[in-house]
């Protein structure tokens, strides 16, 4: 369900109301069709889609369906650590599925992003890791990028590893990092816009 007891929406509300890092796990699989944006995440949280029944690597059991201008996951505080694993985010939406305007450590792994012109946007954070995700039909045109990663916060690190891509274009815009590792191979179907001192 999109709301009410046991929903992802309610789990985020509950996690926001308690101090410390929380973990959200799933006891059922299925599609969550968002009617409105999910609450902004204000406390550290792990969203563990691998806990859903029947989860298989590369085939998430929990799908978050966005449309219109809805985002799914949003963080705006540089004290928040966010981990997302084993989820699928599907478009279409004109806003990113995962949007971090300020955060601390952001880890996104083993997720699938499908049909999103703007899949992930992360800025003003310290450490980012994108690991073993799959991007299908993602990316925009012009200055709209499927994955925008930039930071202005202290010493910072970006790790992009073991991700796969299909039918993507205008995918990455990366700027402002001190330490970057990109080891995705092959990078066919992917365009990189690298800025700030590369």
C-alpha atoms as a PDB file:
ATOM      1  CA  UNK A   1       0.000   0.000   0.000  1.00  0.00           C
ATOM      2  CA  UNK A   2       1.039   3.612  -0.527  1.00  0.00           C
ATOM      3  CA  UNK A   3       0.029   4.635   3.000  1.00  0.00           C
ATOM      4  CA  UNK A   4      -1.119   3.330   6.362  1.00  0.00           C
ATOM      5  CA  UNK A   5       0.264   0.766   8.766  1.00  0.00           C
ATOM      6  CA  UNK A   6       2.945  -1.446   7.228  1.00  0.00           C
ATOM      7  CA  UNK A   7       3.554   0.849   4.243  1.00  0.00           C
ATOM      8  CA  UNK A   8       6.910   2.269   3.158  1.00  0.00           C
ATOM      9  CA  UNK A   9       5.474   5.741   3.767  1.00  0.00           C
ATOM     10  CA  UNK A  10       4.615   4.892   7.377  1.00  0.00           C
ATOM     11  CA  UNK A  11       7.984   3.192   7.886  1.00  0.00           C
ATOM     12  CA  UNK A  12       9.780   6.398   6.840  1.00  0.00           C
ATOM     13  CA  UNK A  13       7.560   8.456   9.166  1.00  0.00           C
ATOM     14  CA  UNK A  14       8.400   6.073  12.033  1.00  0.00           C
ATOM     15  CA  UNK A  15      12.138   6.123  11.235  1.00  0.00           C
ATOM     16  CA  UNK A  16      12.110   9.922  11.189  1.00  0.00           C
ATOM     17  CA  UNK A  17      10.517  10.004  14.641  1.00  0.00           C
ATOM     18  CA  UNK A  18      13.284   7.974  16.341  1.00  0.00           C
ATOM     19  CA  UNK A  19      16.908   8.909  16.954  1.00  0.00           C
ATOM     20  CA  UNK A  20      19.661   6.766  15.466  1.00  0.00           C
ATOM     21  CA  UNK A  21      19.950   4.723  12.298  1.00  0.00           C
ATOM     22  CA  UNK A  22      16.918   2.591  11.448  1.00  0.00           C
ATOM     23  CA  UNK A  23      16.421  -0.269   8.985  1.00  0.00           C
ATOM     24  CA  UNK A  24      13.257  -0.697   6.918  1.00  0.00           C
ATOM     25  CA  UNK A  25      12.596  -4.292   5.832  1.00  0.00           C
ATOM     26  CA  UNK A  26       9.781  -5.770   3.752  1.00  0.00           C
ATOM     27  CA  UNK A  27       7.586  -8.747   4.638  1.00  0.00           C
ATOM     28  CA  UNK A  28       5.777  -8.752   1.268  1.00  0.00           C
ATOM     29  CA  UNK A  29       6.706  -8.064  -2.346  1.00  0.00           C
ATOM     30  CA  UNK A  30       4.810  -5.966  -4.857  1.00  0.00           C
ATOM     31  CA  UNK A  31       4.442  -2.554  -6.466  1.00  0.00           C
ATOM     32  CA  UNK A  32       3.983   0.658  -4.491  1.00  0.00           C
ATOM     33  CA  UNK A  33       2.273   3.191  -6.767  1.00  0.00           C
ATOM     34  CA  UNK A  34       2.879   6.598  -5.254  1.00  0.00           C
ATOM     35  CA  UNK A  35      -0.075   8.962  -5.079  1.00  0.00           C
ATOM     36  CA  UNK A  36       2.029  11.712  -3.466  1.00  0.00           C
ATOM     37  CA  UNK A  37       5.729  12.144  -2.658  1.00  0.00           C
ATOM     38  CA  UNK A  38       7.104  10.086   0.216  1.00  0.00           C
ATOM     39  CA  UNK A  39       8.193  11.996   3.347  1.00  0.00           C
ATOM     40  CA  UNK A  40      11.647  13.547   3.270  1.00  0.00           C
ATOM     41  CA  UNK A  41      14.082  11.351   5.227  1.00  0.00           C
ATOM     42  CA  UNK A  42      15.466  13.236   8.242  1.00  0.00           C
ATOM     43  CA  UNK A  43      17.215  10.439  10.178  1.00  0.00           C
ATOM     44  CA  UNK A  44      19.743   7.832   9.064  1.00  0.00           C
ATOM     45  CA  UNK A  45      18.033   4.862   7.446  1.00  0.00           C
ATOM     46  CA  UNK A  46      18.659   1.668   5.500  1.00  0.00           C
ATOM     47  CA  UNK A  47      15.911   0.669   3.064  1.00  0.00           C
ATOM     48  CA  UNK A  48      16.527  -3.036   2.507  1.00  0.00           C
ATOM     49  CA  UNK A  49      14.637  -4.340  -0.500  1.00  0.00           C
ATOM     50  CA  UNK A  50      16.643  -7.567  -0.383  1.00  0.00           C
ATOM     51  CA  UNK A  51      14.530  -8.555   2.636  1.00  0.00           C
ATOM     52  CA  UNK A  52      11.376  -8.895   0.492  1.00  0.00           C
ATOM     53  CA  UNK A  53      10.171 -12.474  -0.109  1.00  0.00           C
ATOM     54  CA  UNK A  54      11.414 -13.911  -3.373  1.00  0.00           C
ATOM     55  CA  UNK A  55      14.146 -11.324  -3.860  1.00  0.00           C
ATOM     56  CA  UNK A  56      16.666 -12.371  -6.496  1.00  0.00           C
ATOM     57  CA  UNK A  57      19.691 -10.268  -7.381  1.00  0.00           C
ATOM     58  CA  UNK A  58      18.769  -8.110 -10.356  1.00  0.00           C
ATOM     59  CA  UNK A  59      15.032  -8.780  -9.923  1.00  0.00           C
ATOM     60  CA  UNK A  60      13.795  -6.727  -6.936  1.00  0.00           C
ATOM     61  CA  UNK A  61      10.595  -7.782  -5.247  1.00  0.00           C
ATOM     62  CA  UNK A  62       9.618  -4.237  -4.241  1.00  0.00           C
ATOM     63  CA  UNK A  63       8.889  -1.728  -7.023  1.00  0.00           C
ATOM     64  CA  UNK A  64       8.255   1.955  -6.372  1.00  0.00           C
ATOM     65  CA  UNK A  65       6.267   3.419  -9.254  1.00  0.00           C
ATOM     66  CA  UNK A  66       6.554   7.175  -9.782  1.00  0.00           C
ATOM     67  CA  UNK A  67       4.735   9.467 -12.193  1.00  0.00           C
ATOM     68  CA  UNK A  68       4.137  13.154 -12.838  1.00  0.00           C
ATOM     69  CA  UNK A  69       6.601  15.137 -10.715  1.00  0.00           C
ATOM     70  CA  UNK A  70       6.867  12.662  -7.824  1.00  0.00           C
ATOM     71  CA  UNK A  71      10.169  11.644  -6.293  1.00  0.00           C
ATOM     72  CA  UNK A  72      10.430   8.474  -4.202  1.00  0.00           C
ATOM     73  CA  UNK A  73      13.335   9.016  -1.797  1.00  0.00           C
ATOM     74  CA  UNK A  74      14.495  12.474  -0.684  1.00  0.00           C
ATOM     75  CA  UNK A  75      17.148  13.651   1.806  1.00  0.00           C
ATOM     76  CA  UNK A  76      17.890  17.317   2.602  1.00  0.00           C
ATOM     77  CA  UNK A  77      20.123  17.149   5.708  1.00  0.00           C
ATOM     78  CA  UNK A  78      23.912  16.670   5.657  1.00  0.00           C
ATOM     79  CA  UNK A  79      23.730  14.646   8.891  1.00  0.00           C
ATOM     80  CA  UNK A  80      21.760  11.811   7.253  1.00  0.00           C
ATOM     81  CA  UNK A  81      23.322   8.513   6.152  1.00  0.00           C
ATOM     82  CA  UNK A  82      21.201   6.725   3.547  1.00  0.00           C
ATOM     83  CA  UNK A  83      21.525   3.128   2.333  1.00  0.00           C
ATOM     84  CA  UNK A  84      19.189   1.725  -0.320  1.00  0.00           C
ATOM     85  CA  UNK A  85      19.509  -1.831  -1.608  1.00  0.00           C
ATOM     86  CA  UNK A  86      17.488  -4.261  -3.675  1.00  0.00           C
ATOM     87  CA  UNK A  87      14.737  -1.839  -4.768  1.00  0.00           C
ATOM     88  CA  UNK A  88      13.285  -1.031  -8.187  1.00  0.00           C
ATOM     89  CA  UNK A  89      12.277   2.521  -9.104  1.00  0.00           C
ATOM     90  CA  UNK A  90      10.183   3.016 -12.233  1.00  0.00           C
ATOM     91  CA  UNK A  91       9.072   6.117 -14.111  1.00  0.00           C
ATOM     92  CA  UNK A  92       7.923   8.187 -15.736  1.00  0.00           C
ATOM     93  CA  UNK A  93       8.507  11.185 -13.468  1.00  0.00           C
ATOM     94  CA  UNK A  94      10.038  14.580 -14.149  1.00  0.00           C
ATOM     95  CA  UNK A  95      11.833  14.480 -10.774  1.00  0.00           C
ATOM     96  CA  UNK A  96      14.540  12.028  -9.657  1.00  0.00           C
ATOM     97  CA  UNK A  97      13.562   8.755  -8.008  1.00  0.00           C
ATOM     98  CA  UNK A  98      16.319   9.391  -5.450  1.00  0.00           C
ATOM     99  CA  UNK A  99      17.107  13.029  -4.673  1.00  0.00           C
ATOM    100  CA  UNK A 100      19.670  14.115  -2.075  1.00  0.00           C
ATOM    101  CA  UNK A 101      20.156  17.875  -1.869  1.00  0.00           C
ATOM    102  CA  UNK A 102      22.337  17.435   1.236  1.00  0.00           C
ATOM    103  CA  UNK A 103      23.494  14.254   2.942  1.00  0.00           C
ATOM    104  CA  UNK A 104      26.460  12.528   4.553  1.00  0.00           C
ATOM    105  CA  UNK A 105      27.169   9.006   3.284  1.00  0.00           C
ATOM    106  CA  UNK A 106      24.901   7.779   0.483  1.00  0.00           C
ATOM    107  CA  UNK A 107      25.034   4.125  -0.645  1.00  0.00           C
ATOM    108  CA  UNK A 108      22.788   2.761  -3.411  1.00  0.00           C
ATOM    109  CA  UNK A 109      23.316  -0.878  -4.329  1.00  0.00           C
ATOM    110  CA  UNK A 110      21.648  -3.735  -6.210  1.00  0.00           C
ATOM    111  CA  UNK A 111      18.772  -1.503  -7.329  1.00  0.00           C
ATOM    112  CA  UNK A 112      17.042  -1.211 -10.706  1.00  0.00           C
ATOM    113  CA  UNK A 113      16.115   2.159 -12.240  1.00  0.00           C
ATOM    114  CA  UNK A 114      13.754   1.927 -15.196  1.00  0.00           C
ATOM    115  CA  UNK A 115      12.335   4.550 -17.553  1.00  0.00           C
ATOM    116  CA  UNK A 116      13.564   7.588 -15.634  1.00  0.00           C
ATOM    117  CA  UNK A 117      14.964  10.678 -17.342  1.00  0.00           C
ATOM    118  CA  UNK A 118      16.357  11.705 -13.940  1.00  0.00           C
ATOM    119  CA  UNK A 119      17.073   8.595 -11.877  1.00  0.00           C
ATOM    120  CA  UNK A 120      19.440   9.860  -9.168  1.00  0.00           C
ATOM    121  CA  UNK A 121      20.536  13.341  -8.135  1.00  0.00           C
ATOM    122  CA  UNK A 122      22.940  13.739  -5.213  1.00  0.00           C
ATOM    123  CA  UNK A 123      24.627  16.959  -4.122  1.00  0.00           C
ATOM    124  CA  UNK A 124      26.298  18.536  -1.090  1.00  0.00           C
ATOM    125  CA  UNK A 125      27.211  15.195   0.497  1.00  0.00           C
ATOM    126  CA  UNK A 126      30.493  13.580   1.542  1.00  0.00           C
ATOM    127  CA  UNK A 127      30.690  10.002   0.249  1.00  0.00           C
ATOM    128  CA  UNK A 128      28.670   8.385  -2.538  1.00  0.00           C
ATOM    129  CA  UNK A 129      28.677   4.765  -3.669  1.00  0.00           C
ATOM    130  CA  UNK A 130      26.698   3.337  -6.588  1.00  0.00           C
ATOM    131  CA  UNK A 131      27.296  -0.420  -6.623  1.00  0.00           C
ATOM    132  CA  UNK A 132      25.826  -3.187  -8.780  1.00  0.00           C
ATOM    133  CA  UNK A 133      22.765  -1.233  -9.923  1.00  0.00           C
ATOM    134  CA  UNK A 134      21.040  -1.617 -13.296  1.00  0.00           C
ATOM    135  CA  UNK A 135      19.819   1.361 -15.327  1.00  0.00           C
ATOM    136  CA  UNK A 136      17.351   0.721 -18.141  1.00  0.00           C
ATOM    137  CA  UNK A 137      16.091   3.437 -20.488  1.00  0.00           C
ATOM    138  CA  UNK A 138      17.360   6.190 -18.204  1.00  0.00           C
ATOM    139  CA  UNK A 139      18.772   9.607 -19.064  1.00  0.00           C
ATOM    140  CA  UNK A 140      17.557  12.855 -20.528  1.00  0.00           C
ATOM    141  CA  UNK A 141      18.550  15.367 -23.180  1.00  0.00           C
ATOM    142  CA  UNK A 142      20.524  18.591 -23.141  1.00  0.00           C
ATOM    143  CA  UNK A 143      21.403  19.457 -19.545  1.00  0.00           C
ATOM    144  CA  UNK A 144      19.065  16.833 -18.092  1.00  0.00           C
ATOM    145  CA  UNK A 145      21.148  13.904 -16.878  1.00  0.00           C
ATOM    146  CA  UNK A 146      19.990  10.533 -15.629  1.00  0.00           C
ATOM    147  CA  UNK A 147      22.507  10.594 -12.781  1.00  0.00           C
ATOM    148  CA  UNK A 148      23.819  13.911 -11.439  1.00  0.00           C
ATOM    149  CA  UNK A 149      26.498  13.685  -8.771  1.00  0.00           C
ATOM    150  CA  UNK A 150      28.172  16.751  -7.295  1.00  0.00           C
ATOM    151  CA  UNK A 151      29.510  17.874  -3.933  1.00  0.00           C
ATOM    152  CA  UNK A 152      31.028  20.831  -2.136  1.00  0.00           C
ATOM    153  CA  UNK A 153      31.422  19.214   1.309  1.00  0.00           C
ATOM    154  CA  UNK A 154      34.956  18.725   2.628  1.00  0.00           C
ATOM    155  CA  UNK A 155      37.053  15.791   1.440  1.00  0.00           C
ATOM    156  CA  UNK A 156      34.760  13.613  -0.585  1.00  0.00           C
ATOM    157  CA  UNK A 157      34.688  10.298  -2.409  1.00  0.00           C
ATOM    158  CA  UNK A 158      32.683   8.835  -5.291  1.00  0.00           C
ATOM    159  CA  UNK A 159      32.671   5.113  -6.084  1.00  0.00           C
ATOM    160  CA  UNK A 160      30.771   3.872  -9.151  1.00  0.00           C
ATOM    161  CA  UNK A 161      31.305   0.119  -9.493  1.00  0.00           C
ATOM    162  CA  UNK A 162      29.776  -2.905 -11.217  1.00  0.00           C
ATOM    163  CA  UNK A 163      26.687  -1.085 -12.520  1.00  0.00           C
ATOM    164  CA  UNK A 164      25.068  -2.124 -15.804  1.00  0.00           C
ATOM    165  CA  UNK A 165      23.182  -0.118 -18.423  1.00  0.00           C
ATOM    166  CA  UNK A 166      20.724  -0.677 -21.266  1.00  0.00           C
ATOM    167  CA  UNK A 167      19.217   1.865 -23.661  1.00  0.00           C
ATOM    168  CA  UNK A 168      20.541   4.820 -21.668  1.00  0.00           C
ATOM    169  CA  UNK A 169      21.686   8.230 -22.908  1.00  0.00           C
ATOM    170  CA  UNK A 170      22.987  11.466 -21.388  1.00  0.00           C
ATOM    171  CA  UNK A 171      23.370   9.518 -18.193  1.00  0.00           C
ATOM    172  CA  UNK A 172      26.119  10.905 -15.923  1.00  0.00           C
ATOM    173  CA  UNK A 173      27.051  14.419 -14.847  1.00  0.00           C
ATOM    174  CA  UNK A 174      29.849  14.340 -12.243  1.00  0.00           C
ATOM    175  CA  UNK A 175      31.532  17.350 -10.649  1.00  0.00           C
ATOM    176  CA  UNK A 176      33.470  18.539  -7.623  1.00  0.00           C
ATOM    177  CA  UNK A 177      34.959  15.325  -6.179  1.00  0.00           C
ATOM    178  CA  UNK A 178      38.403  14.857  -4.608  1.00  0.00           C
ATOM    179  CA  UNK A 179      38.558  11.088  -5.182  1.00  0.00           C
ATOM    180  CA  UNK A 180      36.688   9.228  -7.937  1.00  0.00           C
ATOM    181  CA  UNK A 181      36.578   5.532  -8.818  1.00  0.00           C
ATOM    182  CA  UNK A 182      34.572   4.450 -11.888  1.00  0.00           C
ATOM    183  CA  UNK A 183      34.993   0.787 -12.735  1.00  0.00           C
ATOM    184  CA  UNK A 184      31.806  -0.009 -14.629  1.00  0.00           C
ATOM    185  CA  UNK A 185      32.612  -2.001 -17.736  1.00  0.00           C
ATOM    186  CA  UNK A 186      31.624  -1.729 -20.470  1.00  0.00           C
ATOM    187  CA  UNK A 187      30.332   1.838 -20.480  1.00  0.00           C
ATOM    188  CA  UNK A 188      28.462   1.418 -23.756  1.00  0.00           C
ATOM    189  CA  UNK A 189      25.168   3.310 -23.781  1.00  0.00           C
ATOM    190  CA  UNK A 190      26.579   5.740 -21.205  1.00  0.00           C
ATOM    191  CA  UNK A 191      27.705   9.333 -21.631  1.00  0.00           C
ATOM    192  CA  UNK A 192      29.835  11.109 -19.028  1.00  0.00           C
ATOM    193  CA  UNK A 193      29.928  14.843 -18.393  1.00  0.00           C
ATOM    194  CA  UNK A 194      32.960  15.319 -16.116  1.00  0.00           C
ATOM    195  CA  UNK A 195      33.606  18.755 -14.652  1.00  0.00           C
ATOM    196  CA  UNK A 196      35.745  20.584 -12.101  1.00  0.00           C
ATOM    197  CA  UNK A 197      39.352  19.672 -12.543  1.00  0.00           C
ATOM    198  CA  UNK A 198      39.360  16.317 -14.303  1.00  0.00           C
END
